[in-house]
Amino acid sequence: MAKNGYNKTAVAIGAVIVYVILGFTIIIPLLVTKFVLDSFFNKRVKDSDALFTEKDYKGLIKEEKHFKSGKYTLGGGLFYNEQFSSYKGLIIVSHGIGCGLNNYMLVIDYFARKGYLVFAFNMTGTCTSEGPGLIGLQRGILDLKNAIFYAKSLPQAKGLKTFVFAHSWSGFCSAAMLNDKKVCKELTAVATTSGFNNFWDSMRAQAEAKAGKATCLAKPSTYVISFLRFGKVAFYEGIKGINKFNKPVLITHSKDDPTVPFEISLANHMDKCTNKKAIVNIYEDRAHSIHRAKWAEEEISKSVIGKPVIEKPADMNIFQYYMEIKYRYTTADVEFALDEEYMNSIEAFFDKARKEEEIA
């Protein structure tokens, strides 16, 4: 009896030890990581009152559109310039984090003026789209894929070559989604601006600024939670997608980008690129929004010097806060000043890709 009692006690002690180990090494880290991720991604992004709309651009027409991405209905629009009745191609414009499609109206208008049919949309949890929040960085991959398939199904897009212009968060999403062969078949070329290579590098870069090097301890649990939410998409990387695409990809980044540091950028991973049709253009002093006029970027930076930091409202998405705080002391005319020369290089890239595919 004593021996049996001893065995039961040993088993009980062993079970407690196992539970403690599991709790501190797996369960607690998962719960803490989930809490931190939710604090970043569980708030919606709202439209800013200061944004331009299609009505601010001469001849730009918008047809309101809605489509499904998973269980959520996303809002978007089909854009074209009234002077055209036929189009060079279909361009999907995909926005960065903390903002929506209206932040890219200057890009949408540019492509419409050049004779393209343009489709733009709001990611899950953003502006006119459903969803409790952004959910996670990989959610953008799924939303962009669904946007492409939907846009290509529209009658106006029938027979048109399809291109993607994507910035920042979507720069990552547009490259990562190319890991999906079905998406690759639908596209002629992709232009990705200021994008990062994988979601963890982006999360780590932001978190280390606040929590230091200890951030690396959260990597395993972050991947586990991401896999539970997004499946295999959680492991998609941009360079791997570009390599699978084997069609033209234009990657642009600036070394002084304060939002997506150059070391985690797609441009800095080109040594791993095997896609011979991929082109990289690296700038020294164009900051994060390369499509914005350089003089405007400089004016925005100067406008906040010596000004008080505006506190984040409790209900504001943190990404939207960091994005909008830069523009509180400037005007929409400055914020949405377009670099026509840079955009001309994007349009020339798309045009060349279109012609080469038609010849082939």
Protein backbone atom coordinates (compact mmCIF):
# COMPACT_ATOMS: atom_id res chain seq x y z
CA MET A 1 0.00 0.00 0.00
CA ALA A 2 2.79 2.38 0.87
CA LYS A 3 4.43 1.66 -2.43
CA ASN A 4 1.17 2.30 -4.33
CA GLY A 5 0.71 5.52 -2.38
CA TYR A 6 4.24 6.57 -3.23
CA ASN A 7 3.62 5.86 -6.92
CA LYS A 8 0.45 7.92 -6.93
CA THR A 9 2.23 10.80 -5.24
CA ALA A 10 5.09 10.62 -7.74
CA VAL A 11 2.63 10.59 -10.64
CA ALA A 12 0.78 13.56 -9.17
CA ILE A 13 4.00 15.52 -8.68
CA GLY A 14 5.11 14.62 -12.20
CA ALA A 15 1.79 15.79 -13.61
CA VAL A 16 2.07 19.11 -11.78
CA ILE A 17 5.60 19.61 -13.09
CA VAL A 18 4.45 18.85 -16.65
CA TYR A 19 1.54 21.29 -16.36
CA VAL A 20 3.83 23.98 -14.97
CA ILE A 21 6.35 23.45 -17.76
CA LEU A 22 3.61 23.48 -20.40
CA GLY A 23 2.10 26.58 -18.87
CA PHE A 24 5.30 28.60 -18.80
CA THR A 25 6.75 27.36 -22.09
CA ILE A 26 3.65 27.05 -24.29
CA ILE A 27 0.31 28.17 -22.88
CA ILE A 28 1.31 31.45 -21.23
CA PRO A 29 3.51 32.60 -24.16
CA LEU A 30 0.64 31.81 -26.56
CA LEU A 31 -1.86 33.76 -24.47
CA VAL A 32 0.49 36.73 -24.07
CA THR A 33 1.31 36.75 -27.78
CA LYS A 34 -2.37 36.56 -28.71
CA PHE A 35 -3.10 39.50 -26.42
CA VAL A 36 -0.32 41.58 -27.99
CA LEU A 37 -1.35 40.71 -31.56
CA ASP A 38 -4.99 41.51 -30.82
CA SER A 39 -3.98 44.87 -29.37
CA PHE A 40 -2.43 45.73 -32.75
CA PHE A 41 -4.97 44.21 -35.10
CA ASN A 42 -8.38 44.10 -33.38
CA LYS A 43 -9.35 47.74 -34.03
CA ARG A 44 -10.88 48.97 -37.27
CA VAL A 45 -9.31 51.60 -39.52
CA LYS A 46 -11.64 54.49 -40.31
CA ASP A 47 -11.68 56.89 -43.24
CA SER A 48 -10.05 60.23 -42.51
CA ASP A 49 -12.09 63.37 -43.14
CA ALA A 50 -9.15 64.97 -44.94
CA LEU A 51 -8.98 62.48 -47.81
CA PHE A 52 -9.63 63.25 -51.45
CA THR A 53 -12.26 61.26 -53.35
CA GLU A 54 -12.81 60.57 -57.04
CA LYS A 55 -14.80 63.83 -57.20
CA ASP A 56 -11.58 65.78 -56.66
CA TYR A 57 -10.01 64.44 -59.87
CA LYS A 58 -11.15 65.66 -63.28
CA GLY A 59 -12.84 62.97 -65.38
CA LEU A 60 -12.36 60.20 -62.80
CA ILE A 61 -15.40 57.92 -62.51
CA LYS A 62 -16.02 55.40 -59.73
CA GLU A 63 -18.40 52.44 -59.76
CA GLU A 64 -18.99 51.21 -56.22
CA LYS A 65 -18.23 47.50 -55.81
CA HIS A 66 -18.48 44.88 -53.05
CA PHE A 67 -17.10 41.35 -52.93
CA LYS A 68 -16.57 38.51 -50.48
CA SER A 69 -13.25 37.71 -48.84
CA GLY A 70 -13.83 34.79 -46.54
CA LYS A 71 -16.82 35.58 -44.37
CA TYR A 72 -16.51 39.35 -44.79
CA THR A 73 -17.81 41.64 -47.52
CA LEU A 74 -15.19 44.15 -48.65
CA GLY A 75 -15.88 47.53 -50.20
CA GLY A 76 -14.09 48.87 -53.24
CA GLY A 77 -14.53 50.55 -56.55
CA LEU A 78 -13.90 50.22 -60.27
CA PHE A 79 -12.32 53.42 -61.60
CA TYR A 80 -11.79 54.81 -65.08
CA ASN A 81 -11.37 58.15 -66.80
CA GLU A 82 -14.36 59.36 -68.78
CA GLN A 83 -12.26 60.03 -71.91
CA PHE A 84 -11.67 56.29 -72.48
CA SER A 85 -14.05 53.59 -73.73
CA SER A 86 -11.39 50.87 -74.01
CA TYR A 87 -8.44 50.19 -71.75
CA LYS A 88 -4.75 49.21 -71.85
CA GLY A 89 -5.27 46.77 -69.01
CA LEU A 90 -6.65 46.22 -65.52
CA ILE A 91 -4.60 47.47 -62.56
CA ILE A 92 -5.31 46.43 -58.98
CA VAL A 93 -4.18 49.15 -56.54
CA SER A 94 -3.67 47.79 -53.02
CA HIS A 95 -3.21 50.04 -49.98
CA GLY A 96 -0.85 50.07 -47.01
CA ILE A 97 -1.68 49.44 -43.36
CA GLY A 98 -3.55 52.01 -41.29
CA CYS A 99 -5.33 53.57 -44.27
CA GLY A 100 -7.70 52.70 -47.11
CA LEU A 101 -8.13 52.99 -50.86
CA ASN A 102 -8.89 56.73 -50.71
CA ASN A 103 -5.32 57.33 -49.53
CA TYR A 104 -4.22 56.10 -52.96
CA MET A 105 -6.65 58.17 -55.03
CA LEU A 106 -3.69 60.03 -56.56
CA VAL A 107 -2.31 56.69 -57.85
CA ILE A 108 -5.74 55.51 -59.00
CA ASP A 109 -6.29 58.76 -60.91
CA TYR A 110 -2.84 58.51 -62.51
CA PHE A 111 -3.45 55.05 -63.95
CA ALA A 112 -6.98 56.02 -65.07
CA ARG A 113 -5.55 59.07 -66.90
CA LYS A 114 -3.12 56.74 -68.65
CA GLY A 115 -5.97 54.65 -70.03
CA TYR A 116 -6.19 51.79 -67.54
CA LEU A 117 -9.20 50.30 -65.81
CA VAL A 118 -8.40 50.42 -62.09
CA PHE A 119 -9.80 48.36 -59.22
CA ALA A 120 -9.08 49.37 -55.63
CA PHE A 121 -10.53 48.09 -52.37
CA ASN A 122 -10.38 48.31 -48.59
CA MET A 123 -8.84 45.44 -46.64
CA THR A 124 -10.80 43.58 -43.96
CA GLY A 125 -11.64 45.83 -41.01
CA THR A 126 -10.88 48.97 -43.02
CA CYS A 127 -13.18 51.87 -43.93
CA THR A 128 -16.08 50.50 -46.05
CA SER A 129 -15.18 46.82 -45.53
CA GLU A 130 -16.59 44.49 -42.91
CA GLY A 131 -14.56 42.93 -40.13
CA PRO A 132 -13.85 43.56 -36.44
CA GLY A 133 -10.31 44.71 -37.23
CA LEU A 134 -7.34 43.99 -39.45
CA ILE A 135 -6.96 40.48 -37.91
CA GLY A 136 -3.31 40.10 -39.01
CA LEU A 137 -0.76 40.93 -41.68
CA GLN A 138 -1.47 37.74 -43.64
CA ARG A 139 -5.13 38.65 -43.90
CA GLY A 140 -4.08 41.15 -46.53
CA ILE A 141 -2.74 38.32 -48.72
CA LEU A 142 -6.14 36.64 -48.72
CA ASP A 143 -7.99 39.91 -49.35
CA LEU A 144 -5.75 40.85 -52.27
CA LYS A 145 -6.13 37.42 -53.88
CA ASN A 146 -9.91 37.62 -53.62
CA ALA A 147 -9.88 41.17 -54.99
CA ILE A 148 -7.94 40.04 -58.07
CA PHE A 149 -10.32 37.17 -58.84
CA TYR A 150 -13.34 39.42 -58.32
CA ALA A 151 -12.01 42.28 -60.46
CA LYS A 152 -11.16 39.93 -63.32
CA SER A 153 -14.74 38.58 -63.23
CA LEU A 154 -16.21 42.01 -64.01
CA PRO A 155 -17.54 42.45 -67.58
CA GLN A 156 -15.43 45.57 -68.17
CA ALA A 157 -12.24 43.63 -67.38
CA LYS A 158 -12.85 40.80 -69.83
CA GLY A 159 -9.79 40.07 -71.94
CA LEU A 160 -7.59 42.66 -70.21
CA LYS A 161 -4.07 41.94 -68.99
CA THR A 162 -3.95 42.31 -65.20
CA PHE A 163 -1.35 44.16 -63.13
CA VAL A 164 -0.88 44.92 -59.44
CA PHE A 165 0.47 48.11 -57.86
CA ALA A 166 0.97 47.58 -54.14
CA HIS A 167 2.56 49.68 -51.41
CA SER A 168 4.00 48.91 -47.95
CA TRP A 169 1.87 46.21 -46.25
CA SER A 170 0.41 45.38 -49.64
CA GLY A 171 3.92 45.39 -51.07
CA PHE A 172 4.50 42.32 -48.91
CA CYS A 173 1.06 40.87 -49.68
CA SER A 174 1.45 41.27 -53.45
CA ALA A 175 4.73 39.32 -53.44
CA ALA A 176 3.67 36.72 -50.86
CA MET A 177 0.43 35.88 -52.70
CA LEU A 178 2.52 34.74 -55.68
CA ASN A 179 3.20 31.56 -53.74
CA ASP A 180 -0.28 30.60 -54.99
CA LYS A 181 -0.10 29.21 -58.55
CA LYS A 182 -3.73 30.14 -59.28
CA VAL A 183 -2.98 33.80 -58.64
CA CYS A 184 0.17 33.72 -60.78
CA LYS A 185 -1.86 32.56 -63.78
CA GLU A 186 -4.13 35.61 -63.54
CA LEU A 187 -1.39 38.27 -63.60
CA THR A 188 0.93 39.80 -66.17
CA ALA A 189 3.18 41.85 -63.86
CA VAL A 190 3.46 43.14 -60.29
CA ALA A 191 4.97 46.41 -59.00
CA THR A 192 5.69 46.32 -55.28
CA THR A 193 6.81 49.47 -53.46
CA SER A 194 8.32 49.70 -49.94
CA GLY A 195 7.32 46.12 -49.10
CA PHE A 196 8.85 43.75 -46.55
CA ASN A 197 9.77 40.11 -47.19
CA ASN A 198 7.93 38.29 -44.40
CA PHE A 199 5.47 39.14 -41.67
CA TRP A 200 7.74 38.22 -38.74
CA ASP A 201 10.49 40.62 -39.78
CA SER A 202 7.96 43.43 -39.90
CA MET A 203 6.47 42.54 -36.51
CA ARG A 204 9.92 42.18 -34.97
CA ALA A 205 11.14 45.52 -36.33
CA GLN A 206 8.18 47.32 -34.76
CA ALA A 207 8.24 45.39 -31.48
CA GLU A 208 11.98 45.66 -30.87
CA ALA A 209 11.69 49.43 -30.79
CA LYS A 210 9.44 49.09 -27.76
CA ALA A 211 10.42 45.79 -26.09
CA GLY A 212 14.03 45.32 -27.15
CA LYS A 213 15.75 42.11 -28.29
CA ALA A 214 13.52 39.99 -26.02
CA THR A 215 10.97 40.22 -28.82
CA CYS A 216 12.60 37.22 -30.52
CA LEU A 217 11.20 34.97 -27.77
CA ALA A 218 7.71 35.56 -29.18
CA LYS A 219 8.57 34.21 -32.64
CA PRO A 220 7.42 30.56 -32.13
CA SER A 221 4.09 31.50 -30.54
CA THR A 222 3.49 34.22 -33.17
CA TYR A 223 3.86 31.66 -35.95
CA VAL A 224 1.60 29.17 -34.13
CA ILE A 225 -1.18 31.75 -33.75
CA SER A 226 -0.74 32.91 -37.35
CA PHE A 227 -0.97 29.33 -38.61
CA LEU A 228 -4.16 28.74 -36.61
CA ARG A 229 -5.66 31.87 -38.16
CA PHE A 230 -4.39 31.71 -41.73
CA GLY A 231 -3.15 28.18 -42.41
CA LYS A 232 -0.16 27.78 -44.72
CA VAL A 233 -0.45 31.42 -45.78
CA ALA A 234 1.19 32.23 -42.44
CA PHE A 235 4.50 30.98 -43.83
CA TYR A 236 4.42 32.80 -47.18
CA GLU A 237 7.45 34.96 -47.94
CA GLY A 238 7.69 37.61 -50.62
CA ILE A 239 10.91 36.52 -52.35
CA LYS A 240 9.72 32.92 -52.53
CA GLY A 241 6.53 34.14 -54.22
CA ILE A 242 8.45 36.27 -56.71
CA ASN A 243 10.61 33.27 -57.58
CA LYS A 244 7.53 31.16 -58.29
CA PHE A 245 5.92 33.86 -60.45
CA ASN A 246 8.55 33.81 -63.20
CA LYS A 247 6.99 36.93 -64.74
CA PRO A 248 7.96 40.61 -64.49
CA VAL A 249 8.14 42.05 -60.97
CA LEU A 250 9.35 45.57 -60.14
CA ILE A 251 10.61 46.05 -56.57
CA THR A 252 11.33 49.58 -55.33
CA HIS A 253 12.54 50.71 -51.92
CA SER A 254 14.37 53.62 -50.34
CA LYS A 255 17.26 53.09 -47.94
CA ASP A 256 15.98 55.84 -45.63
CA ASP A 257 12.50 54.29 -45.27
CA PRO A 258 11.52 54.87 -41.61
CA THR A 259 8.48 52.59 -41.73
CA VAL A 260 9.85 49.47 -43.44
CA PRO A 261 13.60 49.44 -42.67
CA PHE A 262 15.69 48.55 -45.71
CA GLU A 263 17.22 45.50 -44.01
CA ILE A 264 13.83 43.72 -43.90
CA SER A 265 12.73 44.87 -47.36
CA LEU A 266 12.09 42.78 -50.44
CA ALA A 267 14.80 44.83 -52.16
CA ASN A 268 17.38 43.67 -49.60
CA HIS A 269 16.53 40.01 -50.29
CA MET A 270 17.32 40.10 -54.00
CA ASP A 271 20.36 37.88 -53.46
CA LYS A 272 17.81 35.07 -52.97
CA CYS A 273 15.83 36.00 -56.10
CA THR A 274 15.91 33.50 -58.97
CA ASN A 275 13.24 35.22 -61.07
CA LYS A 276 15.21 36.58 -64.03
CA LYS A 277 12.36 38.94 -64.90
CA ALA A 278 12.50 40.69 -61.53
CA ILE A 279 13.89 44.23 -61.42
CA VAL A 280 14.93 46.16 -58.30
CA ASN A 281 15.27 49.95 -58.06
CA ILE A 282 16.83 51.22 -54.83
CA TYR A 283 16.64 54.87 -53.80
CA GLU A 284 18.65 56.71 -51.17
CA ASP A 285 16.31 59.47 -50.00
CA ARG A 286 12.68 58.79 -50.96
CA ALA A 287 11.40 57.69 -47.52
CA HIS A 288 8.38 55.32 -47.40
CA SER A 289 5.90 56.69 -49.94
CA ILE A 290 8.04 56.78 -53.08
CA HIS A 291 5.01 57.59 -55.23
CA ARG A 292 4.65 60.92 -53.39
CA ALA A 293 6.52 63.95 -54.74
CA LYS A 294 9.89 64.33 -53.03
CA TRP A 295 9.28 68.00 -52.19
CA ALA A 296 6.03 67.03 -50.48
CA GLU A 297 7.74 64.32 -48.41
CA GLU A 298 10.30 66.86 -47.26
CA GLU A 299 7.58 69.38 -46.37
CA ILE A 300 5.67 66.77 -44.36
CA SER A 301 8.81 65.92 -42.38
CA LYS A 302 9.49 69.60 -41.64
CA SER A 303 5.89 70.31 -40.63
CA VAL A 304 6.06 68.22 -37.44
CA ILE A 305 9.35 69.65 -36.12
CA GLY A 306 8.78 71.37 -32.80
CA LYS A 307 5.07 70.55 -32.81
CA PRO A 308 3.37 68.75 -29.89
CA VAL A 309 2.76 65.02 -30.26
CA ILE A 310 -0.95 64.30 -30.57
CA GLU A 311 -2.20 61.62 -28.17
CA LYS A 312 -3.71 58.50 -29.68
CA PRO A 313 -7.50 58.28 -29.18
CA ALA A 314 -8.42 55.12 -27.28
CA ASP A 315 -10.57 53.77 -30.10
CA MET A 316 -8.07 54.46 -32.92
CA ASN A 317 -6.20 51.65 -34.63
CA ILE A 318 -2.51 52.01 -33.71
CA PHE A 319 -1.35 51.68 -37.33
CA GLN A 320 -3.73 54.44 -38.39
CA TYR A 321 -2.43 56.62 -35.55
CA TYR A 322 1.21 56.29 -36.62
CA MET A 323 0.24 56.88 -40.24
CA GLU A 324 -1.97 59.93 -39.70
CA ILE A 325 0.11 61.68 -37.04
CA LYS A 326 2.63 62.68 -39.73
CA TYR A 327 -0.02 64.66 -41.61
CA ARG A 328 -1.66 66.63 -38.80
CA TYR A 329 0.35 69.76 -39.57
CA THR A 330 0.12 69.75 -43.35
CA THR A 331 -2.57 69.84 -46.04
CA ALA A 332 -4.12 67.26 -48.35
CA ASP A 333 -2.56 69.02 -51.36
CA VAL A 334 0.86 68.23 -49.91
CA GLU A 335 0.02 64.76 -48.63
CA PHE A 336 -1.35 63.70 -52.02
CA ALA A 337 1.20 65.34 -54.30
CA LEU A 338 2.18 62.75 -56.89
CA ASP A 339 5.63 62.04 -58.28
CA GLU A 340 4.68 61.78 -61.96
CA GLU A 341 8.19 60.74 -62.98
CA TYR A 342 8.19 57.78 -60.61
CA MET A 343 4.70 56.74 -61.69
CA ASN A 344 5.78 57.02 -65.34
CA SER A 345 8.42 54.38 -64.61
CA ILE A 346 5.75 52.09 -63.17
CA GLU A 347 3.46 52.60 -66.17
CA ALA A 348 6.34 51.98 -68.59
CA PHE A 349 7.13 48.74 -66.73
CA PHE A 350 3.51 47.57 -67.03
CA ASP A 351 3.31 48.59 -70.68
CA LYS A 352 6.46 46.68 -71.56
CA ALA A 353 5.22 43.57 -69.70
CA ARG A 354 1.89 43.77 -71.54
CA LYS A 355 3.50 44.02 -74.97
CA GLU A 356 5.96 41.20 -74.25
CA GLU A 357 3.15 38.89 -73.13
CA GLU A 358 1.10 39.71 -76.22
CA ILE A 359 4.06 38.86 -78.46
CA ALA A 360 4.72 35.61 -76.59
